[in-house]
Amino acid sequence: MGQGNGSSTTDFILLGVFMNSRHPGLLIAIVLLIFGAAITGNSVLTLLIWNDACLHTPMYCLLSQLSLMDLMLICTTVPKMVADFFSGHRFISHIGCGAQTFFYLMLGVAECVLLTLMAFDRYVAICSPLRYPIIMTPKVCVKMATSSWTGGVVFSLMHTAYAMHFSTCGSREIHHFFCEVIALLKLSCEDTSTYEEVVLVSGIVFLLIPFGLIV
């Protein structure tokens, strides 16, 4: 990749998901329709909860955080994919790739933690309704939301920084429509097998533990 095609030697190429599709226009239209519905729904829900004082309860405050995370998550990947499709420019800079990886992973982990805390909130409300106002105070709700965001940031920062430090040789084509840790590791010319296992195990843990606690 040279400078002549608008890219640099540190750019990655996002191959996307519609390369071999016979009707890519139809698929991208469906994606845009779902994207628009998700943006509208999450935005309306978040603004409604924030603006209505009657909804300033722990349950709705946590729900607003979940909607905000969903909103940010889809904005991390879909706009870039759609822009690449219409422009034909599939390059993403090294910094842009790292930022996309960080936000995608951070928001995914934060949602897992938040869903677990939301389940605890409903458990207290159902099983201890008389003690609910004492246990689920506004201060506790803020701590729950903060811990979700903090956990996502810390987890994502560690994995993103470590994944991005591997040197890349040969092809810089990412067989995906966005940057993520496993896709980056596949481009490395170093032995990443041990770290790939760490990523896999940590991913399973962050899915199974919240799922088990929710159940």
C-alpha atoms as a PDB file:
ATOM      1  CA  MET A   1       0.000   0.000   0.000  1.00  0.00           C
ATOM      2  CA  GLY A   2       1.525   3.237  -1.014  1.00  0.00           C
ATOM      3  CA  GLN A   3       0.715   6.856  -0.528  1.00  0.00           C
ATOM      4  CA  GLY A   4      -0.810   7.042  -3.955  1.00  0.00           C
ATOM      5  CA  ASN A   5      -4.005   5.261  -2.970  1.00  0.00           C
ATOM      6  CA  GLY A   6      -4.538   7.402   0.107  1.00  0.00           C
ATOM      7  CA  SER A   7      -3.128   4.934   2.601  1.00  0.00           C
ATOM      8  CA  SER A   8       0.112   4.500   4.505  1.00  0.00           C
ATOM      9  CA  THR A   9       2.174   1.482   5.436  1.00  0.00           C
ATOM     10  CA  THR A  10       0.642   1.512   8.912  1.00  0.00           C
ATOM     11  CA  ASP A  11      -2.953   1.378   7.676  1.00  0.00           C
ATOM     12  CA  PHE A  12      -5.105  -1.730   7.928  1.00  0.00           C
ATOM     13  CA  ILE A  13      -7.632  -2.845   5.319  1.00  0.00           C
ATOM     14  CA  LEU A  14     -11.109  -3.802   6.481  1.00  0.00           C
ATOM     15  CA  LEU A  15     -12.428  -6.351   3.994  1.00  0.00           C
ATOM     16  CA  GLY A  16     -15.976  -6.155   5.349  1.00  0.00           C
ATOM     17  CA  VAL A  17     -18.706  -8.789   5.329  1.00  0.00           C
ATOM     18  CA  PHE A  18     -20.378  -8.206   1.966  1.00  0.00           C
ATOM     19  CA  MET A  19     -17.439  -8.937  -0.341  1.00  0.00           C
ATOM     20  CA  ASN A  20     -18.916 -12.083  -1.883  1.00  0.00           C
ATOM     21  CA  SER A  21     -22.562 -11.145  -1.580  1.00  0.00           C
ATOM     22  CA  ARG A  22     -24.689 -11.062  -4.728  1.00  0.00           C
ATOM     23  CA  HIS A  23     -26.872  -8.271  -3.337  1.00  0.00           C
ATOM     24  CA  PRO A  24     -24.661  -6.073  -1.131  1.00  0.00           C
ATOM     25  CA  GLY A  25     -26.918  -3.054  -1.618  1.00  0.00           C
ATOM     26  CA  LEU A  26     -29.878  -4.883  -0.100  1.00  0.00           C
ATOM     27  CA  LEU A  27     -27.832  -6.055   2.875  1.00  0.00           C
ATOM     28  CA  ILE A  28     -26.451  -2.598   3.579  1.00  0.00           C
ATOM     29  CA  ALA A  29     -29.975  -1.171   3.358  1.00  0.00           C
ATOM     30  CA  ILE A  30     -31.119  -3.657   6.003  1.00  0.00           C
ATOM     31  CA  VAL A  31     -28.148  -2.728   8.182  1.00  0.00           C
ATOM     32  CA  LEU A  32     -28.993   0.969   7.844  1.00  0.00           C
ATOM     33  CA  LEU A  33     -32.630   0.293   8.721  1.00  0.00           C
ATOM     34  CA  ILE A  34     -31.687  -1.627  11.868  1.00  0.00           C
ATOM     35  CA  PHE A  35     -29.045   0.974  12.723  1.00  0.00           C
ATOM     36  CA  GLY A  36     -31.560   3.797  12.428  1.00  0.00           C
ATOM     37  CA  ALA A  37     -34.087   1.959  14.587  1.00  0.00           C
ATOM     38  CA  ALA A  38     -31.448   1.229  17.236  1.00  0.00           C
ATOM     39  CA  ILE A  39     -30.206   4.836  17.268  1.00  0.00           C
ATOM     40  CA  THR A  40     -33.736   6.197  17.555  1.00  0.00           C
ATOM     41  CA  GLY A  41     -34.898   3.751  20.211  1.00  0.00           C
ATOM     42  CA  ASN A  42     -31.872   4.075  22.471  1.00  0.00           C
ATOM     43  CA  SER A  43     -31.689   7.860  22.096  1.00  0.00           C
ATOM     44  CA  VAL A  44     -35.380   8.376  22.898  1.00  0.00           C
ATOM     45  CA  LEU A  45     -35.229   6.014  25.866  1.00  0.00           C
ATOM     46  CA  THR A  46     -32.108   7.644  27.311  1.00  0.00           C
ATOM     47  CA  LEU A  47     -33.414  11.206  26.903  1.00  0.00           C
ATOM     48  CA  LEU A  48     -36.817  10.264  28.305  1.00  0.00           C
ATOM     49  CA  ILE A  49     -35.303   8.776  31.444  1.00  0.00           C
ATOM     50  CA  TRP A  50     -32.915  11.678  31.962  1.00  0.00           C
ATOM     51  CA  ASN A  51     -35.592  14.357  31.459  1.00  0.00           C
ATOM     52  CA  ASP A  52     -38.439  12.789  33.463  1.00  0.00           C
ATOM     53  CA  ALA A  53     -37.883  13.153  37.217  1.00  0.00           C
ATOM     54  CA  CYS A  54     -40.409  10.365  37.865  1.00  0.00           C
ATOM     55  CA  LEU A  55     -38.025   7.921  36.173  1.00  0.00           C
ATOM     56  CA  HIS A  56     -35.010   8.838  38.288  1.00  0.00           C
ATOM     57  CA  THR A  57     -35.058   5.485  40.085  1.00  0.00           C
ATOM     58  CA  PRO A  58     -32.253   2.895  40.231  1.00  0.00           C
ATOM     59  CA  MET A  59     -33.945   0.596  37.720  1.00  0.00           C
ATOM     60  CA  TYR A  60     -34.444   3.292  35.087  1.00  0.00           C
ATOM     61  CA  CYS A  61     -31.088   4.930  35.727  1.00  0.00           C
ATOM     62  CA  LEU A  62     -29.330   1.624  35.085  1.00  0.00           C
ATOM     63  CA  LEU A  63     -31.538   1.087  32.032  1.00  0.00           C
ATOM     64  CA  SER A  64     -30.466   4.481  30.687  1.00  0.00           C
ATOM     65  CA  GLN A  65     -26.828   3.465  31.080  1.00  0.00           C
ATOM     66  CA  LEU A  66     -27.524   0.261  29.150  1.00  0.00           C
ATOM     67  CA  SER A  67     -29.177   2.250  26.343  1.00  0.00           C
ATOM     68  CA  LEU A  68     -26.214   4.632  26.272  1.00  0.00           C
ATOM     69  CA  MET A  69     -23.796   1.716  26.003  1.00  0.00           C
ATOM     70  CA  ASP A  70     -25.832   0.170  23.180  1.00  0.00           C
ATOM     71  CA  LEU A  71     -25.889   3.513  21.398  1.00  0.00           C
ATOM     72  CA  MET A  72     -22.129   3.934  21.648  1.00  0.00           C
ATOM     73  CA  LEU A  73     -21.464   0.309  20.705  1.00  0.00           C
ATOM     74  CA  ILE A  74     -23.307   0.437  17.394  1.00  0.00           C
ATOM     75  CA  CYS A  75     -21.761   3.832  16.612  1.00  0.00           C
ATOM     76  CA  THR A  76     -18.314   2.311  17.102  1.00  0.00           C
ATOM     77  CA  THR A  77     -18.612  -0.117  14.193  1.00  0.00           C
ATOM     78  CA  VAL A  78     -21.590   0.459  11.888  1.00  0.00           C
ATOM     79  CA  PRO A  79     -20.878   4.020  10.617  1.00  0.00           C
ATOM     80  CA  LYS A  80     -17.357   3.045   9.537  1.00  0.00           C
ATOM     81  CA  MET A  81     -18.664  -0.067   7.784  1.00  0.00           C
ATOM     82  CA  VAL A  82     -21.333   1.908   5.904  1.00  0.00           C
ATOM     83  CA  ALA A  83     -18.871   4.676   4.976  1.00  0.00           C
ATOM     84  CA  ASP A  84     -16.404   2.090   3.626  1.00  0.00           C
ATOM     85  CA  PHE A  85     -19.150   0.454   1.564  1.00  0.00           C
ATOM     86  CA  PHE A  86     -20.256   3.660  -0.148  1.00  0.00           C
ATOM     87  CA  SER A  87     -16.810   5.236  -0.545  1.00  0.00           C
ATOM     88  CA  GLY A  88     -14.854   2.112  -1.424  1.00  0.00           C
ATOM     89  CA  HIS A  89     -12.151   3.343   0.968  1.00  0.00           C
ATOM     90  CA  ARG A  90     -11.541   0.407   3.292  1.00  0.00           C
ATOM     91  CA  PHE A  91      -8.434   1.692   5.043  1.00  0.00           C
ATOM     92  CA  ILE A  92      -8.269   2.420   8.760  1.00  0.00           C
ATOM     93  CA  SER A  93      -5.264   3.933  10.481  1.00  0.00           C
ATOM     94  CA  HIS A  94      -3.304   2.184  13.217  1.00  0.00           C
ATOM     95  CA  ILE A  95      -4.628   4.659  15.802  1.00  0.00           C
ATOM     96  CA  GLY A  96      -8.173   4.376  14.469  1.00  0.00           C
ATOM     97  CA  CYS A  97      -7.998   0.598  14.610  1.00  0.00           C
ATOM     98  CA  GLY A  98      -6.758   0.715  18.208  1.00  0.00           C
ATOM     99  CA  ALA A  99      -9.524   3.155  19.186  1.00  0.00           C
ATOM    100  CA  GLN A 100     -12.197   1.003  17.567  1.00  0.00           C
ATOM    101  CA  THR A 101     -10.870  -2.105  19.310  1.00  0.00           C
ATOM    102  CA  PHE A 102     -10.767  -0.330  22.664  1.00  0.00           C
ATOM    103  CA  PHE A 103     -14.301   1.081  22.520  1.00  0.00           C
ATOM    104  CA  TYR A 104     -15.868  -2.112  21.172  1.00  0.00           C
ATOM    105  CA  LEU A 105     -14.275  -4.269  23.857  1.00  0.00           C
ATOM    106  CA  MET A 106     -14.870  -1.716  26.614  1.00  0.00           C
ATOM    107  CA  LEU A 107     -18.557  -1.341  25.863  1.00  0.00           C
ATOM    108  CA  GLY A 108     -19.072  -5.089  25.513  1.00  0.00           C
ATOM    109  CA  VAL A 109     -17.526  -5.802  28.911  1.00  0.00           C
ATOM    110  CA  ALA A 110     -19.325  -2.859  30.535  1.00  0.00           C
ATOM    111  CA  GLU A 111     -22.665  -4.184  29.286  1.00  0.00           C
ATOM    112  CA  CYS A 112     -21.988  -7.628  30.762  1.00  0.00           C
ATOM    113  CA  VAL A 113     -21.206  -6.099  34.153  1.00  0.00           C
ATOM    114  CA  LEU A 114     -24.182  -3.738  34.005  1.00  0.00           C
ATOM    115  CA  LEU A 115     -26.631  -6.500  33.094  1.00  0.00           C
ATOM    116  CA  THR A 116     -25.451  -8.442  36.154  1.00  0.00           C
ATOM    117  CA  LEU A 117     -25.976  -5.432  38.404  1.00  0.00           C
ATOM    118  CA  MET A 118     -29.406  -4.814  36.877  1.00  0.00           C
ATOM    119  CA  ALA A 119     -30.342  -8.393  37.695  1.00  0.00           C
ATOM    120  CA  PHE A 120     -29.258  -7.804  41.303  1.00  0.00           C
ATOM    121  CA  ASP A 121     -31.415  -4.667  41.406  1.00  0.00           C
ATOM    122  CA  ARG A 122     -34.482  -6.637  40.291  1.00  0.00           C
ATOM    123  CA  TYR A 123     -33.658  -9.441  42.742  1.00  0.00           C
ATOM    124  CA  VAL A 124     -33.659  -7.016  45.660  1.00  0.00           C
ATOM    125  CA  ALA A 125     -36.854  -5.336  44.427  1.00  0.00           C
ATOM    126  CA  ILE A 126     -38.715  -8.659  44.208  1.00  0.00           C
ATOM    127  CA  CYS A 127     -37.301 -10.541  47.186  1.00  0.00           C
ATOM    128  CA  SER A 128     -36.847  -7.656  49.628  1.00  0.00           C
ATOM    129  CA  PRO A 129     -39.317  -4.928  48.559  1.00  0.00           C
ATOM    130  CA  LEU A 130     -39.435  -3.302  51.986  1.00  0.00           C
ATOM    131  CA  ARG A 131     -35.648  -3.033  52.189  1.00  0.00           C
ATOM    132  CA  TYR A 132     -35.241  -1.999  48.554  1.00  0.00           C
ATOM    133  CA  PRO A 133     -35.138   1.799  49.195  1.00  0.00           C
ATOM    134  CA  ILE A 134     -32.501   1.239  51.879  1.00  0.00           C
ATOM    135  CA  ILE A 135     -30.297  -1.077  49.801  1.00  0.00           C
ATOM    136  CA  MET A 136     -30.670   0.555  46.384  1.00  0.00           C
ATOM    137  CA  THR A 137     -29.957   4.176  47.238  1.00  0.00           C
ATOM    138  CA  PRO A 138     -29.007   6.745  44.557  1.00  0.00           C
ATOM    139  CA  LYS A 139     -25.412   6.537  45.786  1.00  0.00           C
ATOM    140  CA  VAL A 140     -25.372   2.758  45.281  1.00  0.00           C
ATOM    141  CA  CYS A 141     -26.871   3.193  41.809  1.00  0.00           C
ATOM    142  CA  VAL A 142     -24.103   5.635  40.848  1.00  0.00           C
ATOM    143  CA  LYS A 143     -21.485   3.192  42.137  1.00  0.00           C
ATOM    144  CA  MET A 144     -23.027   0.407  40.045  1.00  0.00           C
ATOM    145  CA  ALA A 145     -22.943   2.469  36.868  1.00  0.00           C
ATOM    146  CA  THR A 146     -19.418   3.695  37.591  1.00  0.00           C
ATOM    147  CA  SER A 147     -18.132   0.192  38.277  1.00  0.00           C
ATOM    148  CA  SER A 148     -19.567  -1.017  34.969  1.00  0.00           C
ATOM    149  CA  TRP A 149     -17.802   1.687  32.978  1.00  0.00           C
ATOM    150  CA  THR A 150     -14.584   1.355  34.996  1.00  0.00           C
ATOM    151  CA  GLY A 151     -14.472  -2.424  34.626  1.00  0.00           C
ATOM    152  CA  GLY A 152     -14.933  -2.118  30.878  1.00  0.00           C
ATOM    153  CA  VAL A 153     -12.234   0.546  30.545  1.00  0.00           C
ATOM    154  CA  VAL A 154      -9.644  -1.378  32.589  1.00  0.00           C
ATOM    155  CA  PHE A 155     -10.280  -4.714  30.872  1.00  0.00           C
ATOM    156  CA  SER A 156     -10.305  -3.192  27.390  1.00  0.00           C
ATOM    157  CA  LEU A 157      -7.258  -1.013  27.976  1.00  0.00           C
ATOM    158  CA  MET A 158      -5.143  -4.006  29.012  1.00  0.00           C
ATOM    159  CA  HIS A 159      -6.142  -6.167  26.050  1.00  0.00           C
ATOM    160  CA  THR A 160      -6.074  -3.398  23.450  1.00  0.00           C
ATOM    161  CA  ALA A 161      -2.656  -2.113  24.491  1.00  0.00           C
ATOM    162  CA  TYR A 162      -1.197  -5.623  24.519  1.00  0.00           C
ATOM    163  CA  ALA A 163      -2.757  -6.644  21.194  1.00  0.00           C
ATOM    164  CA  MET A 164      -1.630  -3.467  19.437  1.00  0.00           C
ATOM    165  CA  HIS A 165       1.985  -3.820  20.528  1.00  0.00           C
ATOM    166  CA  PHE A 166       2.550  -6.932  18.384  1.00  0.00           C
ATOM    167  CA  SER A 167       4.440  -6.224  15.173  1.00  0.00           C
ATOM    168  CA  THR A 168       2.609  -6.865  11.911  1.00  0.00           C
ATOM    169  CA  CYS A 169       4.223  -8.287   8.806  1.00  0.00           C
ATOM    170  CA  GLY A 170       2.901  -9.346   5.433  1.00  0.00           C
ATOM    171  CA  SER A 171      -0.774  -8.769   4.766  1.00  0.00           C
ATOM    172  CA  ARG A 172      -2.589  -6.041   6.699  1.00  0.00           C
ATOM    173  CA  GLU A 173      -6.023  -7.204   5.568  1.00  0.00           C
ATOM    174  CA  ILE A 174      -8.526  -7.689   8.397  1.00  0.00           C
ATOM    175  CA  HIS A 175     -11.234 -10.175   7.444  1.00  0.00           C
ATOM    176  CA  HIS A 176     -13.895  -8.260   9.307  1.00  0.00           C
ATOM    177  CA  PHE A 177     -15.780  -4.961   9.072  1.00  0.00           C
ATOM    178  CA  PHE A 178     -14.160  -3.581  12.233  1.00  0.00           C
ATOM    179  CA  CYS A 179     -10.966  -3.977  14.255  1.00  0.00           C
ATOM    180  CA  GLU A 180     -10.967  -6.407  17.164  1.00  0.00           C
ATOM    181  CA  VAL A 181      -8.317  -8.241  19.167  1.00  0.00           C
ATOM    182  CA  ILE A 182      -8.410 -11.689  17.521  1.00  0.00           C
ATOM    183  CA  ALA A 183      -8.383 -10.199  14.007  1.00  0.00           C
ATOM    184  CA  LEU A 184      -5.300  -8.147  14.900  1.00  0.00           C
ATOM    185  CA  LEU A 185      -3.498 -11.140  16.380  1.00  0.00           C
ATOM    186  CA  LYS A 186      -3.949 -13.059  13.130  1.00  0.00           C
ATOM    187  CA  LEU A 187      -1.877 -10.411  11.327  1.00  0.00           C
ATOM    188  CA  SER A 188       1.063 -10.631  13.711  1.00  0.00           C
ATOM    189  CA  CYS A 189       4.288 -12.276  12.650  1.00  0.00           C
ATOM    190  CA  GLU A 190       5.001 -13.204  16.274  1.00  0.00           C
ATOM    191  CA  ASP A 191       3.785 -16.241  18.181  1.00  0.00           C
ATOM    192  CA  THR A 192       0.511 -15.116  19.747  1.00  0.00           C
ATOM    193  CA  SER A 193      -0.957 -18.547  20.503  1.00  0.00           C
ATOM    194  CA  THR A 194      -0.581 -18.167  24.287  1.00  0.00           C
ATOM    195  CA  TYR A 195      -2.158 -14.732  24.299  1.00  0.00           C
ATOM    196  CA  GLU A 196      -4.983 -15.924  22.041  1.00  0.00           C
ATOM    197  CA  GLU A 197      -5.798 -18.548  24.665  1.00  0.00           C
ATOM    198  CA  VAL A 198      -5.783 -15.833  27.339  1.00  0.00           C
ATOM    199  CA  VAL A 199      -8.190 -13.737  25.265  1.00  0.00           C
ATOM    200  CA  LEU A 200     -10.456 -16.733  24.704  1.00  0.00           C
ATOM    201  CA  VAL A 201     -10.507 -17.719  28.385  1.00  0.00           C
ATOM    202  CA  SER A 202     -11.065 -14.163  29.605  1.00  0.00           C
ATOM    203  CA  GLY A 203     -13.864 -13.722  27.073  1.00  0.00           C
ATOM    204  CA  ILE A 204     -15.589 -16.898  28.240  1.00  0.00           C
ATOM    205  CA  VAL A 205     -15.187 -15.862  31.879  1.00  0.00           C
ATOM    206  CA  PHE A 206     -16.712 -12.443  31.223  1.00  0.00           C
ATOM    207  CA  LEU A 207     -19.683 -14.130  29.563  1.00  0.00           C
ATOM    208  CA  LEU A 208     -20.236 -17.081  31.872  1.00  0.00           C
ATOM    209  CA  ILE A 209     -19.812 -15.328  35.228  1.00  0.00           C
ATOM    210  CA  PRO A 210     -22.392 -12.595  34.476  1.00  0.00           C
ATOM    211  CA  PHE A 211     -24.700 -15.186  32.924  1.00  0.00           C
ATOM    212  CA  GLY A 212     -24.379 -17.448  35.974  1.00  0.00           C
ATOM    213  CA  LEU A 213     -25.010 -14.581  38.391  1.00  0.00           C
ATOM    214  CA  ILE A 214     -28.034 -13.421  36.399  1.00  0.00           C
ATOM    215  CA  VAL A 215     -29.511 -16.926  36.391  1.00  0.00           C
END
